[in-house]
Amino acid sequence: MSSDATFFRKQADQERSNASEASLDNVRDRCERAARSWEAMAARAERTEAMRDQRAAATRAASTLATATDGA
Protein backbone atom coordinates (compact mmCIF):
# COMPACT_ATOMS: atom_id res chain seq x y z
CA MET A 1 0.00 0.00 0.00
CA SER A 2 1.29 3.44 -0.85
CA SER A 3 2.23 5.99 1.76
CA ASP A 4 -0.51 8.25 0.37
CA ALA A 5 -3.18 5.61 0.97
CA THR A 6 -1.82 4.99 4.45
CA PHE A 7 -1.98 8.69 5.23
CA PHE A 8 -5.52 8.96 3.87
CA ARG A 9 -6.67 5.99 5.98
CA LYS A 10 -5.13 7.53 9.11
CA GLN A 11 -7.01 10.75 8.39
CA ALA A 12 -10.24 8.77 7.96
CA ASP A 13 -9.63 7.06 11.30
CA GLN A 14 -9.09 10.43 12.95
CA GLU A 15 -12.33 11.78 11.48
CA ARG A 16 -14.24 8.71 12.71
CA SER A 17 -12.77 9.32 16.14
CA ASN A 18 -13.80 12.96 15.97
CA ALA A 19 -17.31 11.89 14.95
CA SER A 20 -17.62 9.52 17.89
CA GLU A 21 -16.62 12.31 20.27
CA ALA A 22 -18.86 14.97 18.74
CA SER A 23 -21.88 16.03 20.75
CA LEU A 24 -23.52 18.00 17.93
CA ASP A 25 -25.26 16.17 15.10
CA ASN A 26 -23.97 18.52 12.40
CA VAL A 27 -20.37 18.12 13.60
CA ARG A 28 -20.75 14.33 13.73
CA ASP A 29 -22.21 14.34 10.19
CA ARG A 30 -19.39 16.54 8.92
CA CYS A 31 -16.75 14.25 10.44
CA GLU A 32 -18.43 11.16 8.97
CA ARG A 33 -18.54 12.80 5.53
CA ALA A 34 -14.87 13.70 5.87
CA ALA A 35 -14.03 10.11 6.83
CA ARG A 36 -15.84 8.82 3.74
CA SER A 37 -13.94 11.31 1.59
CA TRP A 38 -10.59 10.25 3.06
CA GLU A 39 -11.49 6.58 2.44
CA ALA A 40 -12.38 7.38 -1.17
CA MET A 41 -9.03 9.13 -1.62
CA ALA A 42 -7.25 6.08 -0.15
CA ALA A 43 -9.07 3.74 -2.52
CA ARG A 44 -8.24 6.00 -5.47
CA ALA A 45 -4.57 6.10 -4.46
CA GLU A 46 -4.49 2.31 -4.23
CA ARG A 47 -6.11 1.92 -7.66
CA THR A 48 -3.65 4.39 -9.14
CA GLU A 49 -0.71 2.53 -7.62
CA ALA A 50 -2.02 -0.81 -8.93
CA MET A 51 -2.45 0.61 -12.44
CA ARG A 52 1.05 2.09 -12.29
CA ASP A 53 2.47 -1.28 -11.25
CA GLN A 54 0.61 -3.03 -14.09
CA ARG A 55 1.86 -0.49 -16.61
CA ALA A 56 5.43 -0.89 -15.36
CA ALA A 57 5.18 -4.68 -15.58
CA ALA A 58 3.81 -4.45 -19.13
CA THR A 59 6.64 -2.11 -20.10
CA ARG A 60 9.24 -4.49 -18.63
CA ALA A 61 7.66 -7.44 -20.44
CA ALA A 62 7.65 -5.54 -23.73
CA SER A 63 11.27 -4.53 -23.23
CA THR A 64 12.27 -8.10 -22.47
CA LEU A 65 10.42 -9.35 -25.53
CA ALA A 66 12.01 -6.69 -27.73
CA THR A 67 15.47 -7.58 -26.42
CA ALA A 68 14.86 -11.29 -27.01
CA THR A 69 13.54 -10.61 -30.53
CA ASP A 70 16.44 -8.33 -31.43
CA GLY A 71 18.93 -10.98 -30.37
CA ALA A 72 17.36 -13.71 -32.50
C-alpha atoms as a PDB file:
ATOM      1  CA  MET A   1       0.000   0.000   0.000  1.00  0.00           C
ATOM      2  CA  SER A   2       1.294   3.437  -0.847  1.00  0.00           C
ATOM      3  CA  SER A   3       2.227   5.987   1.761  1.00  0.00           C
ATOM      4  CA  ASP A   4      -0.512   8.252   0.373  1.00  0.00           C
ATOM      5  CA  ALA A   5      -3.185   5.607   0.968  1.00  0.00           C
ATOM      6  CA  THR A   6      -1.820   4.987   4.454  1.00  0.00           C
ATOM      7  CA  PHE A   7      -1.976   8.692   5.231  1.00  0.00           C
ATOM      8  CA  PHE A   8      -5.516   8.962   3.872  1.00  0.00           C
ATOM      9  CA  ARG A   9      -6.668   5.987   5.977  1.00  0.00           C
ATOM     10  CA  LYS A  10      -5.129   7.534   9.108  1.00  0.00           C
ATOM     11  CA  GLN A  11      -7.010  10.749   8.392  1.00  0.00           C
ATOM     12  CA  ALA A  12     -10.240   8.767   7.961  1.00  0.00           C
ATOM     13  CA  ASP A  13      -9.626   7.062  11.304  1.00  0.00           C
ATOM     14  CA  GLN A  14      -9.092  10.434  12.946  1.00  0.00           C
ATOM     15  CA  GLU A  15     -12.325  11.783  11.484  1.00  0.00           C
ATOM     16  CA  ARG A  16     -14.237   8.714  12.708  1.00  0.00           C
ATOM     17  CA  SER A  17     -12.768   9.317  16.145  1.00  0.00           C
ATOM     18  CA  ASN A  18     -13.804  12.959  15.966  1.00  0.00           C
ATOM     19  CA  ALA A  19     -17.309  11.886  14.947  1.00  0.00           C
ATOM     20  CA  SER A  20     -17.618   9.518  17.885  1.00  0.00           C
ATOM     21  CA  GLU A  21     -16.615  12.312  20.274  1.00  0.00           C
ATOM     22  CA  ALA A  22     -18.863  14.969  18.741  1.00  0.00           C
ATOM     23  CA  SER A  23     -21.878  16.025  20.748  1.00  0.00           C
ATOM     24  CA  LEU A  24     -23.517  18.001  17.934  1.00  0.00           C
ATOM     25  CA  ASP A  25     -25.257  16.169  15.100  1.00  0.00           C
ATOM     26  CA  ASN A  26     -23.974  18.517  12.402  1.00  0.00           C
ATOM     27  CA  VAL A  27     -20.374  18.118  13.604  1.00  0.00           C
ATOM     28  CA  ARG A  28     -20.754  14.335  13.728  1.00  0.00           C
ATOM     29  CA  ASP A  29     -22.210  14.345  10.189  1.00  0.00           C
ATOM     30  CA  ARG A  30     -19.386  16.539   8.924  1.00  0.00           C
ATOM     31  CA  CYS A  31     -16.752  14.246  10.436  1.00  0.00           C
ATOM     32  CA  GLU A  32     -18.427  11.162   8.970  1.00  0.00           C
ATOM     33  CA  ARG A  33     -18.541  12.800   5.527  1.00  0.00           C
ATOM     34  CA  ALA A  34     -14.867  13.703   5.871  1.00  0.00           C
ATOM     35  CA  ALA A  35     -14.028  10.106   6.835  1.00  0.00           C
ATOM     36  CA  ARG A  36     -15.836   8.820   3.742  1.00  0.00           C
ATOM     37  CA  SER A  37     -13.940  11.307   1.586  1.00  0.00           C
ATOM     38  CA  TRP A  38     -10.585  10.247   3.058  1.00  0.00           C
ATOM     39  CA  GLU A  39     -11.487   6.584   2.444  1.00  0.00           C
ATOM     40  CA  ALA A  40     -12.380   7.384  -1.173  1.00  0.00           C
ATOM     41  CA  MET A  41      -9.027   9.126  -1.622  1.00  0.00           C
ATOM     42  CA  ALA A  42      -7.246   6.084  -0.152  1.00  0.00           C
ATOM     43  CA  ALA A  43      -9.072   3.742  -2.516  1.00  0.00           C
ATOM     44  CA  ARG A  44      -8.241   5.995  -5.466  1.00  0.00           C
ATOM     45  CA  ALA A  45      -4.569   6.104  -4.460  1.00  0.00           C
ATOM     46  CA  GLU A  46      -4.491   2.307  -4.226  1.00  0.00           C
ATOM     47  CA  ARG A  47      -6.111   1.918  -7.656  1.00  0.00           C
ATOM     48  CA  THR A  48      -3.649   4.393  -9.144  1.00  0.00           C
ATOM     49  CA  GLU A  49      -0.706   2.532  -7.624  1.00  0.00           C
ATOM     50  CA  ALA A  50      -2.023  -0.807  -8.932  1.00  0.00           C
ATOM     51  CA  MET A  51      -2.448   0.609 -12.436  1.00  0.00           C
ATOM     52  CA  ARG A  52       1.050   2.094 -12.292  1.00  0.00           C
ATOM     53  CA  ASP A  53       2.467  -1.282 -11.249  1.00  0.00           C
ATOM     54  CA  GLN A  54       0.606  -3.034 -14.087  1.00  0.00           C
ATOM     55  CA  ARG A  55       1.862  -0.493 -16.609  1.00  0.00           C
ATOM     56  CA  ALA A  56       5.435  -0.888 -15.361  1.00  0.00           C
ATOM     57  CA  ALA A  57       5.178  -4.681 -15.582  1.00  0.00           C
ATOM     58  CA  ALA A  58       3.815  -4.454 -19.131  1.00  0.00           C
ATOM     59  CA  THR A  59       6.645  -2.114 -20.100  1.00  0.00           C
ATOM     60  CA  ARG A  60       9.243  -4.488 -18.631  1.00  0.00           C
ATOM     61  CA  ALA A  61       7.659  -7.441 -20.442  1.00  0.00           C
ATOM     62  CA  ALA A  62       7.646  -5.538 -23.734  1.00  0.00           C
ATOM     63  CA  SER A  63      11.266  -4.529 -23.231  1.00  0.00           C
ATOM     64  CA  THR A  64      12.274  -8.099 -22.469  1.00  0.00           C
ATOM     65  CA  LEU A  65      10.415  -9.352 -25.534  1.00  0.00           C
ATOM     66  CA  ALA A  66      12.013  -6.687 -27.728  1.00  0.00           C
ATOM     67  CA  THR A  67      15.469  -7.575 -26.423  1.00  0.00           C
ATOM     68  CA  ALA A  68      14.859 -11.287 -27.013  1.00  0.00           C
ATOM     69  CA  THR A  69      13.541 -10.613 -30.531  1.00  0.00           C
ATOM     70  CA  ASP A  70      16.445  -8.334 -31.430  1.00  0.00           C
ATOM     71  CA  GLY A  71      18.931 -10.982 -30.374  1.00  0.00           C
ATOM     72  CA  ALA A  72      17.358 -13.710 -32.502  1.00  0.00           C
END
